[in-house]
Amino acid sequence: MKATDLIVNPDGSIYHLKLRPEELPDLVLVAGDPGRVEMISRNFERIEYRRKNREFVSHSGFLGGRRVLALSTGIGPDNMDIVMNELDALANIDLESRTPRETHKTLTIIRLGTSGTFHSDIPVGSIAIASHGLGLDGSLHYYQALNEITDRQLTDLFVSHSSWPDHLPKPYVIEGTRDLISQFDQVAFKGITATGAGFYGPQGREIRLKSSFPGFLNALAGFSHQGLRIINFEMETSSLYGLGKMLGHRVASACVVLANRATGEYSQDVGAHVNNMIHYILEQLSG
């Protein structure tokens, strides 16, 4: 692999994350917000190390006797593209020779995120577990393997239901890792998580600029297939699921709902709601 394709720092760490292969455990908890890494790692039994480079903050430690990494991704599918490719490189590429390792290492990567919903029956503060990620951002179209991992039926049904405009990136639906997701079955809301390319226009918000797809939120809220509906909206899950499946890793996404677009309500205690989600996920993993 060319040095310009796989960039390794002089200290042997991967370019953006600034982690070395021996520092990567099998379990990785990712969050968009760098500040959320501290909220996660304060629950560890002990901390091994702390790293920081740009928006990528990582704390390694132990949870239930198991080595674990809490890592911030920053916002958006483009950042998740960096994180997933570099985590996989740490696990499955010899960084000195820039060649794949003979034995594939499978990581378990779980997102602990925040999101909004467009359903009035999903209260602010709820935890939403993504059975699938609906990619509306277009980033995974840059990878040949996308067609192999896409749920064609759900994708085609959504495109037809929404009368998806030709001027927007073509959506894709990708399933998460079933056995991993099943660990969180006690959560009331499980379904498809939609991933947008941005926070304002790409999520149907209008401040001074009008949306090019006026019926966007209604199209998301109205989709249902055999009891499966789109329950929340954020900016990382479909990229996590797509790249995870392409690269051979186990992936799941849990997001606390902070905004209800149907009722106009926004969380009055973001910290408490995020903490509740973190504690629930960590309890399931360490129990």
C-alpha atoms as a PDB file:
ATOM      1  CA  MET A   1       0.000   0.000   0.000  1.00  0.00           C
ATOM      2  CA  LYS A   2       1.308   3.435  -0.898  1.00  0.00           C
ATOM      3  CA  ALA A   3       2.450   5.716   1.905  1.00  0.00           C
ATOM      4  CA  THR A   4      -0.038   8.283   0.592  1.00  0.00           C
ATOM      5  CA  ASP A   5      -2.936   5.779   0.860  1.00  0.00           C
ATOM      6  CA  LEU A   6      -2.130   4.441   4.320  1.00  0.00           C
ATOM      7  CA  ILE A   7      -0.441   7.232   6.255  1.00  0.00           C
ATOM      8  CA  VAL A   8       1.530   6.183   9.332  1.00  0.00           C
ATOM      9  CA  ASN A   9       2.990   8.714  11.750  1.00  0.00           C
ATOM     10  CA  PRO A  10       6.709   8.613  12.687  1.00  0.00           C
ATOM     11  CA  ASP A  11       5.836   7.061  16.064  1.00  0.00           C
ATOM     12  CA  GLY A  12       4.083   4.121  14.359  1.00  0.00           C
ATOM     13  CA  SER A  13       0.556   5.374  15.006  1.00  0.00           C
ATOM     14  CA  ILE A  14      -2.213   5.659  12.422  1.00  0.00           C
ATOM     15  CA  TYR A  15      -2.579   9.114  10.854  1.00  0.00           C
ATOM     16  CA  HIS A  16      -5.718  10.684  12.362  1.00  0.00           C
ATOM     17  CA  LEU A  17      -6.480   8.572  15.425  1.00  0.00           C
ATOM     18  CA  LYS A  18      -2.851   8.616  16.636  1.00  0.00           C
ATOM     19  CA  LEU A  19      -3.237   5.066  17.968  1.00  0.00           C
ATOM     20  CA  ARG A  20      -0.781   2.190  17.601  1.00  0.00           C
ATOM     21  CA  PRO A  21      -1.937  -1.383  16.860  1.00  0.00           C
ATOM     22  CA  GLU A  22      -1.106  -2.672  20.335  1.00  0.00           C
ATOM     23  CA  GLU A  23      -3.334   0.030  21.843  1.00  0.00           C
ATOM     24  CA  LEU A  24      -6.491  -1.216  20.107  1.00  0.00           C
ATOM     25  CA  PRO A  25      -8.790  -3.549  22.078  1.00  0.00           C
ATOM     26  CA  ASP A  26     -11.490  -5.716  20.467  1.00  0.00           C
ATOM     27  CA  LEU A  27     -14.329  -3.568  21.871  1.00  0.00           C
ATOM     28  CA  VAL A  28     -14.647   0.041  20.726  1.00  0.00           C
ATOM     29  CA  LEU A  29     -17.337   2.494  21.875  1.00  0.00           C
ATOM     30  CA  VAL A  30     -17.646   5.449  19.514  1.00  0.00           C
ATOM     31  CA  ALA A  31     -19.377   8.795  20.029  1.00  0.00           C
ATOM     32  CA  GLY A  32     -19.521  11.886  17.864  1.00  0.00           C
ATOM     33  CA  ASP A  33     -18.831  14.359  20.671  1.00  0.00           C
ATOM     34  CA  PRO A  34     -15.268  14.363  22.086  1.00  0.00           C
ATOM     35  CA  GLY A  35     -16.729  15.374  25.453  1.00  0.00           C
ATOM     36  CA  ARG A  36     -18.767  12.178  25.575  1.00  0.00           C
ATOM     37  CA  VAL A  37     -15.590  10.084  25.742  1.00  0.00           C
ATOM     38  CA  GLU A  38     -15.031  11.285  29.310  1.00  0.00           C
ATOM     39  CA  MET A  39     -18.673  10.504  30.147  1.00  0.00           C
ATOM     40  CA  ILE A  40     -18.101   6.939  28.951  1.00  0.00           C
ATOM     41  CA  SER A  41     -14.640   6.337  30.407  1.00  0.00           C
ATOM     42  CA  ARG A  42     -15.546   7.571  33.899  1.00  0.00           C
ATOM     43  CA  ASN A  43     -17.425   4.258  34.167  1.00  0.00           C
ATOM     44  CA  PHE A  44     -14.290   2.209  33.440  1.00  0.00           C
ATOM     45  CA  GLU A  45     -12.667   0.326  36.296  1.00  0.00           C
ATOM     46  CA  ARG A  46      -9.354   1.928  35.378  1.00  0.00           C
ATOM     47  CA  ILE A  47      -7.873   3.988  32.537  1.00  0.00           C
ATOM     48  CA  GLU A  48      -4.844   2.774  30.548  1.00  0.00           C
ATOM     49  CA  TYR A  49      -4.189   5.902  28.505  1.00  0.00           C
ATOM     50  CA  ARG A  50      -5.710   9.026  26.962  1.00  0.00           C
ATOM     51  CA  ARG A  51      -5.000  10.304  23.441  1.00  0.00           C
ATOM     52  CA  LYS A  52      -6.170  13.386  21.537  1.00  0.00           C
ATOM     53  CA  ASN A  53      -5.703  14.554  17.949  1.00  0.00           C
ATOM     54  CA  ARG A  54      -8.094  17.077  16.374  1.00  0.00           C
ATOM     55  CA  GLU A  55     -11.632  15.848  17.137  1.00  0.00           C
ATOM     56  CA  PHE A  56     -10.436  12.291  17.772  1.00  0.00           C
ATOM     57  CA  VAL A  57     -10.217  11.703  21.533  1.00  0.00           C
ATOM     58  CA  SER A  58      -9.602   8.188  22.851  1.00  0.00           C
ATOM     59  CA  HIS A  59      -9.564   6.697  26.347  1.00  0.00           C
ATOM     60  CA  SER A  60      -8.557   3.066  26.839  1.00  0.00           C
ATOM     61  CA  GLY A  61      -9.513   1.165  29.966  1.00  0.00           C
ATOM     62  CA  PHE A  62     -11.319  -1.816  31.445  1.00  0.00           C
ATOM     63  CA  LEU A  63     -15.053  -2.549  31.732  1.00  0.00           C
ATOM     64  CA  GLY A  64     -16.126  -5.685  33.564  1.00  0.00           C
ATOM     65  CA  GLY A  65     -12.539  -6.873  33.316  1.00  0.00           C
ATOM     66  CA  ARG A  66     -12.592  -6.454  29.548  1.00  0.00           C
ATOM     67  CA  ARG A  67     -10.301  -4.059  27.723  1.00  0.00           C
ATOM     68  CA  VAL A  68     -12.280  -1.351  25.918  1.00  0.00           C
ATOM     69  CA  LEU A  69     -11.667   1.850  23.951  1.00  0.00           C
ATOM     70  CA  ALA A  70     -13.897   4.940  24.036  1.00  0.00           C
ATOM     71  CA  LEU A  71     -13.305   7.030  20.914  1.00  0.00           C
ATOM     72  CA  SER A  72     -14.833  10.204  19.492  1.00  0.00           C
ATOM     73  CA  THR A  73     -15.514  10.287  15.765  1.00  0.00           C
ATOM     74  CA  GLY A  74     -16.517  13.896  15.306  1.00  0.00           C
ATOM     75  CA  ILE A  75     -19.688  14.692  13.382  1.00  0.00           C
ATOM     76  CA  GLY A  76     -20.800  13.146  10.109  1.00  0.00           C
ATOM     77  CA  PRO A  77     -20.374  10.142   7.820  1.00  0.00           C
ATOM     78  CA  ASP A  78     -17.151  11.591   6.409  1.00  0.00           C
ATOM     79  CA  ASN A  79     -15.572  11.456   9.856  1.00  0.00           C
ATOM     80  CA  MET A  80     -16.926   7.947  10.411  1.00  0.00           C
ATOM     81  CA  ASP A  81     -15.223   6.967   7.147  1.00  0.00           C
ATOM     82  CA  ILE A  82     -11.882   8.022   8.658  1.00  0.00           C
ATOM     83  CA  VAL A  83     -12.506   6.261  11.959  1.00  0.00           C
ATOM     84  CA  MET A  84     -13.688   2.945  10.524  1.00  0.00           C
ATOM     85  CA  ASN A  85     -10.902   2.662   7.974  1.00  0.00           C
ATOM     86  CA  GLU A  86      -8.224   3.531  10.527  1.00  0.00           C
ATOM     87  CA  LEU A  87      -9.600   1.174  13.186  1.00  0.00           C
ATOM     88  CA  ASP A  88      -9.596  -1.620  10.621  1.00  0.00           C
ATOM     89  CA  ALA A  89      -6.054  -0.740   9.533  1.00  0.00           C
ATOM     90  CA  LEU A  90      -4.879  -0.959  13.147  1.00  0.00           C
ATOM     91  CA  ALA A  91      -6.530  -4.367  13.481  1.00  0.00           C
ATOM     92  CA  ASN A  92      -5.792  -5.943  10.118  1.00  0.00           C
ATOM     93  CA  ILE A  93      -2.790  -4.295   8.470  1.00  0.00           C
ATOM     94  CA  ASP A  94       0.872  -4.489   9.419  1.00  0.00           C
ATOM     95  CA  LEU A  95       1.630  -0.773   9.528  1.00  0.00           C
ATOM     96  CA  GLU A  96       5.371  -1.276   9.105  1.00  0.00           C
ATOM     97  CA  SER A  97       5.131  -3.266   5.870  1.00  0.00           C
ATOM     98  CA  ARG A  98       1.741  -1.793   4.833  1.00  0.00           C
ATOM     99  CA  THR A  99       0.459  -5.290   4.006  1.00  0.00           C
ATOM    100  CA  PRO A 100      -2.674  -7.124   5.262  1.00  0.00           C
ATOM    101  CA  ARG A 101      -2.219  -9.465   8.205  1.00  0.00           C
ATOM    102  CA  GLU A 102      -2.759 -13.175   7.526  1.00  0.00           C
ATOM    103  CA  THR A 103      -5.489 -13.509  10.162  1.00  0.00           C
ATOM    104  CA  HIS A 104      -8.493 -11.176  10.153  1.00  0.00           C
ATOM    105  CA  LYS A 105      -9.322  -9.554  13.497  1.00  0.00           C
ATOM    106  CA  THR A 106     -12.978  -8.750  14.101  1.00  0.00           C
ATOM    107  CA  LEU A 107     -13.755  -5.680  16.183  1.00  0.00           C
ATOM    108  CA  THR A 108     -16.989  -4.957  18.042  1.00  0.00           C
ATOM    109  CA  ILE A 109     -17.853  -1.303  17.449  1.00  0.00           C
ATOM    110  CA  ILE A 110     -20.858   0.295  19.145  1.00  0.00           C
ATOM    111  CA  ARG A 111     -22.027   3.853  18.620  1.00  0.00           C
ATOM    112  CA  LEU A 112     -23.354   5.798  21.627  1.00  0.00           C
ATOM    113  CA  GLY A 113     -24.931   8.784  19.957  1.00  0.00           C
ATOM    114  CA  THR A 114     -27.629  11.427  20.007  1.00  0.00           C
ATOM    115  CA  SER A 115     -30.491  11.830  17.564  1.00  0.00           C
ATOM    116  CA  GLY A 116     -33.892  13.284  16.815  1.00  0.00           C
ATOM    117  CA  THR A 117     -37.176  11.612  15.970  1.00  0.00           C
ATOM    118  CA  PHE A 118     -40.202  12.563  13.864  1.00  0.00           C
ATOM    119  CA  HIS A 119     -42.703  10.341  15.719  1.00  0.00           C
ATOM    120  CA  SER A 120     -44.831  11.852  18.471  1.00  0.00           C
ATOM    121  CA  ASP A 121     -44.991   8.497  20.305  1.00  0.00           C
ATOM    122  CA  ILE A 122     -41.197   8.393  20.888  1.00  0.00           C
ATOM    123  CA  PRO A 123     -40.504  10.591  23.930  1.00  0.00           C
ATOM    124  CA  VAL A 124     -37.453  12.766  24.351  1.00  0.00           C
ATOM    125  CA  GLY A 125     -34.969  10.814  26.458  1.00  0.00           C
ATOM    126  CA  SER A 126     -35.784   7.472  24.816  1.00  0.00           C
ATOM    127  CA  ILE A 127     -33.042   5.165  23.595  1.00  0.00           C
ATOM    128  CA  ALA A 128     -33.296   4.153  19.929  1.00  0.00           C
ATOM    129  CA  ILE A 129     -31.472   1.022  18.772  1.00  0.00           C
ATOM    130  CA  ALA A 130     -30.760   0.793  15.050  1.00  0.00           C
ATOM    131  CA  SER A 131     -31.660  -2.532  13.452  1.00  0.00           C
ATOM    132  CA  HIS A 132     -30.636  -0.937  10.150  1.00  0.00           C
ATOM    133  CA  GLY A 133     -28.959   2.236   8.947  1.00  0.00           C
ATOM    134  CA  LEU A 134     -30.566   4.225   6.135  1.00  0.00           C
ATOM    135  CA  GLY A 135     -27.836   6.149   4.346  1.00  0.00           C
ATOM    136  CA  LEU A 136     -28.981   9.420   2.796  1.00  0.00           C
ATOM    137  CA  ASP A 137     -25.514  10.942   2.524  1.00  0.00           C
ATOM    138  CA  GLY A 138     -23.979   9.186  -0.479  1.00  0.00           C
ATOM    139  CA  SER A 139     -20.579   8.481   1.102  1.00  0.00           C
ATOM    140  CA  LEU A 140     -20.645   4.695   0.715  1.00  0.00           C
ATOM    141  CA  HIS A 141     -21.226   4.952  -3.034  1.00  0.00           C
ATOM    142  CA  TYR A 142     -17.451   5.431  -3.280  1.00  0.00           C
ATOM    143  CA  TYR A 143     -16.961   1.741  -2.338  1.00  0.00           C
ATOM    144  CA  GLN A 144     -17.462  -1.163  -4.747  1.00  0.00           C
ATOM    145  CA  ALA A 145     -18.780  -3.452  -2.014  1.00  0.00           C
ATOM    146  CA  LEU A 146     -21.868  -1.315  -1.304  1.00  0.00           C
ATOM    147  CA  ASN A 147     -24.083  -3.328  -3.639  1.00  0.00           C
ATOM    148  CA  GLU A 148     -23.088  -6.568  -1.900  1.00  0.00           C
ATOM    149  CA  ILE A 149     -24.172  -5.419   1.567  1.00  0.00           C
ATOM    150  CA  THR A 150     -27.247  -3.324   0.779  1.00  0.00           C
ATOM    151  CA  ASP A 151     -30.689  -4.620   1.758  1.00  0.00           C
ATOM    152  CA  ARG A 152     -32.162  -4.282  -1.716  1.00  0.00           C
ATOM    153  CA  GLN A 153     -35.756  -4.882  -0.674  1.00  0.00           C
ATOM    154  CA  LEU A 154     -35.858  -2.234   2.041  1.00  0.00           C
ATOM    155  CA  THR A 155     -33.911   0.213  -0.098  1.00  0.00           C
ATOM    156  CA  ASP A 156     -36.241  -0.160  -3.080  1.00  0.00           C
ATOM    157  CA  LEU A 157     -39.327   0.052  -0.866  1.00  0.00           C
ATOM    158  CA  PHE A 158     -38.110   3.279   0.723  1.00  0.00           C
ATOM    159  CA  VAL A 159     -37.138   4.857  -2.584  1.00  0.00           C
ATOM    160  CA  SER A 160     -40.568   4.024  -4.017  1.00  0.00           C
ATOM    161  CA  HIS A 161     -42.470   5.135  -0.909  1.00  0.00           C
ATOM    162  CA  SER A 162     -40.657   8.459  -0.668  1.00  0.00           C
ATOM    163  CA  SER A 163     -40.634   9.230  -4.413  1.00  0.00           C
ATOM    164  CA  TRP A 164     -36.958   9.936  -3.796  1.00  0.00           C
ATOM    165  CA  PRO A 165     -35.745  12.853  -5.941  1.00  0.00           C
ATOM    166  CA  ASP A 166     -33.114  12.178  -8.599  1.00  0.00           C
ATOM    167  CA  HIS A 167     -31.054  15.209  -7.559  1.00  0.00           C
ATOM    168  CA  LEU A 168     -30.227  13.689  -4.152  1.00  0.00           C
ATOM    169  CA  PRO A 169     -27.785  10.811  -3.445  1.00  0.00           C
ATOM    170  CA  LYS A 170     -29.410   7.402  -3.830  1.00  0.00           C
ATOM    171  CA  PRO A 171     -30.346   5.943  -0.409  1.00  0.00           C
ATOM    172  CA  TYR A 172     -29.127   2.573   0.845  1.00  0.00           C
ATOM    173  CA  VAL A 173     -30.284   0.429   3.779  1.00  0.00           C
ATOM    174  CA  ILE A 174     -27.759  -1.737   5.653  1.00  0.00           C
ATOM    175  CA  GLU A 175     -28.493  -4.096   8.533  1.00  0.00           C
ATOM    176  CA  GLY A 176     -26.445  -4.040  11.716  1.00  0.00           C
ATOM    177  CA  THR A 177     -25.048  -7.121  13.463  1.00  0.00           C
ATOM    178  CA  ARG A 178     -28.114  -8.993  14.717  1.00  0.00           C
ATOM    179  CA  ASP A 179     -26.608 -10.901  17.639  1.00  0.00           C
ATOM    180  CA  LEU A 180     -24.919  -7.761  18.953  1.00  0.00           C
ATOM    181  CA  ILE A 181     -28.057  -5.651  18.608  1.00  0.00           C
ATOM    182  CA  SER A 182     -30.102  -8.349  20.375  1.00  0.00           C
ATOM    183  CA  GLN A 183     -28.170  -7.604  23.586  1.00  0.00           C
ATOM    184  CA  PHE A 184     -30.232  -4.414  23.842  1.00  0.00           C
ATOM    185  CA  ASP A 185     -33.693  -5.965  23.391  1.00  0.00           C
ATOM    186  CA  GLN A 186     -35.046  -4.333  26.546  1.00  0.00           C
ATOM    187  CA  VAL A 187     -35.124  -0.976  24.770  1.00  0.00           C
ATOM    188  CA  ALA A 188     -38.642  -0.008  23.684  1.00  0.00           C
ATOM    189  CA  PHE A 189     -37.686   1.553  20.360  1.00  0.00           C
ATOM    190  CA  LYS A 190     -35.824  -0.450  17.761  1.00  0.00           C
ATOM    191  CA  GLY A 191     -35.935   0.223  14.036  1.00  0.00           C
ATOM    192  CA  ILE A 192     -34.211   1.967  11.151  1.00  0.00           C
ATOM    193  CA  THR A 193     -31.919   4.907  11.904  1.00  0.00           C
ATOM    194  CA  ALA A 194     -31.648   7.457   9.081  1.00  0.00           C
ATOM    195  CA  THR A 195     -28.252   9.073   8.528  1.00  0.00           C
ATOM    196  CA  GLY A 196     -27.994  12.480   6.894  1.00  0.00           C
ATOM    197  CA  ALA A 197     -25.024  14.275   5.372  1.00  0.00           C
ATOM    198  CA  GLY A 198     -25.583  17.385   7.500  1.00  0.00           C
ATOM    199  CA  PHE A 199     -27.632  18.880  10.325  1.00  0.00           C
ATOM    200  CA  TYR A 200     -29.740  21.564   8.649  1.00  0.00           C
ATOM    201  CA  GLY A 201     -30.885  21.107   5.048  1.00  0.00           C
ATOM    202  CA  PRO A 202     -29.932  17.398   4.923  1.00  0.00           C
ATOM    203  CA  GLN A 203     -32.233  16.839   7.923  1.00  0.00           C
ATOM    204  CA  GLY A 204     -35.097  18.914   6.565  1.00  0.00           C
ATOM    205  CA  ARG A 205     -34.457  21.988   8.696  1.00  0.00           C
ATOM    206  CA  GLU A 206     -35.265  25.369   7.216  1.00  0.00           C
ATOM    207  CA  ILE A 207     -33.827  28.544   8.746  1.00  0.00           C
ATOM    208  CA  ARG A 208     -33.136  30.976   5.909  1.00  0.00           C
ATOM    209  CA  LEU A 209     -32.750  28.426   3.130  1.00  0.00           C
ATOM    210  CA  LYS A 210     -35.626  26.332   1.770  1.00  0.00           C
ATOM    211  CA  SER A 211     -35.398  22.558   1.392  1.00  0.00           C
ATOM    212  CA  SER A 212     -35.102  21.048  -2.085  1.00  0.00           C
ATOM    213  CA  PHE A 213     -37.292  18.172  -0.833  1.00  0.00           C
ATOM    214  CA  PRO A 214     -40.236  19.776   1.039  1.00  0.00           C
ATOM    215  CA  GLY A 215     -41.862  16.441   1.946  1.00  0.00           C
ATOM    216  CA  PHE A 216     -38.650  14.977   3.339  1.00  0.00           C
ATOM    217  CA  LEU A 217     -39.594  14.415   6.991  1.00  0.00           C
ATOM    218  CA  ASN A 218     -43.057  13.119   6.096  1.00  0.00           C
ATOM    219  CA  ALA A 219     -41.449  10.620   3.727  1.00  0.00           C
ATOM    220  CA  LEU A 220     -39.245   9.319   6.552  1.00  0.00           C
ATOM    221  CA  ALA A 221     -41.980   9.292   9.182  1.00  0.00           C
ATOM    222  CA  GLY A 222     -44.466   7.532   6.906  1.00  0.00           C
ATOM    223  CA  PHE A 223     -42.280   4.588   5.920  1.00  0.00           C
ATOM    224  CA  SER A 224     -43.088   1.188   7.404  1.00  0.00           C
ATOM    225  CA  HIS A 225     -42.539  -2.398   6.298  1.00  0.00           C
ATOM    226  CA  GLN A 226     -43.717  -5.406   8.305  1.00  0.00           C
ATOM    227  CA  GLY A 227     -43.659  -3.382  11.504  1.00  0.00           C
ATOM    228  CA  LEU A 228     -40.228  -1.914  10.806  1.00  0.00           C
ATOM    229  CA  ARG A 229     -40.161   1.897  10.645  1.00  0.00           C
ATOM    230  CA  ILE A 230     -37.604   4.683  10.580  1.00  0.00           C
ATOM    231  CA  ILE A 231     -37.441   5.771  14.216  1.00  0.00           C
ATOM    232  CA  ASN A 232     -34.705   8.406  14.379  1.00  0.00           C
ATOM    233  CA  PHE A 233     -32.355  10.653  12.443  1.00  0.00           C
ATOM    234  CA  GLU A 234     -28.645  11.388  12.990  1.00  0.00           C
ATOM    235  CA  MET A 235     -25.349  11.552  11.072  1.00  0.00           C
ATOM    236  CA  GLU A 236     -23.178   8.446  11.579  1.00  0.00           C
ATOM    237  CA  THR A 237     -25.016   5.111  11.820  1.00  0.00           C
ATOM    238  CA  SER A 238     -25.330   4.060   8.166  1.00  0.00           C
ATOM    239  CA  SER A 239     -21.623   4.740   7.629  1.00  0.00           C
ATOM    240  CA  LEU A 240     -20.779   2.665  10.716  1.00  0.00           C
ATOM    241  CA  TYR A 241     -22.985  -0.204   9.538  1.00  0.00           C
ATOM    242  CA  GLY A 242     -21.852  -0.097   5.933  1.00  0.00           C
ATOM    243  CA  LEU A 243     -18.121   0.110   6.546  1.00  0.00           C
ATOM    244  CA  GLY A 244     -18.389  -2.336   9.437  1.00  0.00           C
ATOM    245  CA  LYS A 245     -20.053  -4.933   7.229  1.00  0.00           C
ATOM    246  CA  MET A 246     -17.649  -4.336   4.327  1.00  0.00           C
ATOM    247  CA  LEU A 247     -14.620  -4.687   6.597  1.00  0.00           C
ATOM    248  CA  GLY A 248     -15.921  -7.656   8.593  1.00  0.00           C
ATOM    249  CA  HIS A 249     -16.651  -6.111  11.997  1.00  0.00           C
ATOM    250  CA  ARG A 250     -19.582  -6.390  14.422  1.00  0.00           C
ATOM    251  CA  VAL A 251     -21.523  -3.131  14.685  1.00  0.00           C
ATOM    252  CA  ALA A 252     -24.446  -1.672  16.609  1.00  0.00           C
ATOM    253  CA  SER A 253     -25.784   1.833  17.195  1.00  0.00           C
ATOM    254  CA  ALA A 254     -27.654   3.232  20.177  1.00  0.00           C
ATOM    255  CA  CYS A 255     -28.822   6.852  20.172  1.00  0.00           C
ATOM    256  CA  VAL A 256     -30.677   8.809  22.804  1.00  0.00           C
ATOM    257  CA  VAL A 257     -33.487  10.961  21.397  1.00  0.00           C
ATOM    258  CA  LEU A 258     -32.900  14.625  22.250  1.00  0.00           C
ATOM    259  CA  ALA A 259     -35.323  16.254  19.794  1.00  0.00           C
ATOM    260  CA  ASN A 260     -38.854  15.377  18.749  1.00  0.00           C
ATOM    261  CA  ARG A 261     -39.531  17.073  15.418  1.00  0.00           C
ATOM    262  CA  ALA A 262     -43.219  16.111  15.548  1.00  0.00           C
ATOM    263  CA  THR A 263     -43.925  17.813  18.877  1.00  0.00           C
ATOM    264  CA  GLY A 264     -41.237  20.499  18.707  1.00  0.00           C
ATOM    265  CA  GLU A 265     -39.752  19.367  22.027  1.00  0.00           C
ATOM    266  CA  TYR A 266     -36.026  19.434  22.779  1.00  0.00           C
ATOM    267  CA  SER A 267     -34.393  17.858  25.837  1.00  0.00           C
ATOM    268  CA  GLN A 268     -34.187  20.124  28.873  1.00  0.00           C
ATOM    269  CA  ASP A 269     -31.500  17.917  30.439  1.00  0.00           C
ATOM    270  CA  VAL A 270     -29.190  16.643  27.707  1.00  0.00           C
ATOM    271  CA  GLY A 271     -26.492  15.484  30.129  1.00  0.00           C
ATOM    272  CA  ALA A 272     -28.869  13.308  32.142  1.00  0.00           C
ATOM    273  CA  HIS A 273     -30.412  11.745  29.044  1.00  0.00           C
ATOM    274  CA  VAL A 274     -27.015  10.967  27.518  1.00  0.00           C
ATOM    275  CA  ASN A 275     -25.766   9.536  30.809  1.00  0.00           C
ATOM    276  CA  ASN A 276     -28.810   7.276  31.099  1.00  0.00           C
ATOM    277  CA  MET A 277     -28.104   5.861  27.653  1.00  0.00           C
ATOM    278  CA  ILE A 278     -24.413   5.329  28.424  1.00  0.00           C
ATOM    279  CA  HIS A 279     -25.187   3.551  31.681  1.00  0.00           C
ATOM    280  CA  TYR A 280     -27.747   1.268  30.033  1.00  0.00           C
ATOM    281  CA  ILE A 281     -25.401   0.221  27.215  1.00  0.00           C
ATOM    282  CA  LEU A 282     -22.442  -0.331  29.543  1.00  0.00           C
ATOM    283  CA  GLU A 283     -24.596  -2.405  31.913  1.00  0.00           C
ATOM    284  CA  GLN A 284     -25.614  -4.695  29.058  1.00  0.00           C
ATOM    285  CA  LEU A 285     -22.009  -5.083  27.944  1.00  0.00           C
ATOM    286  CA  SER A 286     -20.569  -5.756  31.400  1.00  0.00           C
ATOM    287  CA  GLY A 287     -23.496  -7.723  32.877  1.00  0.00           C
END
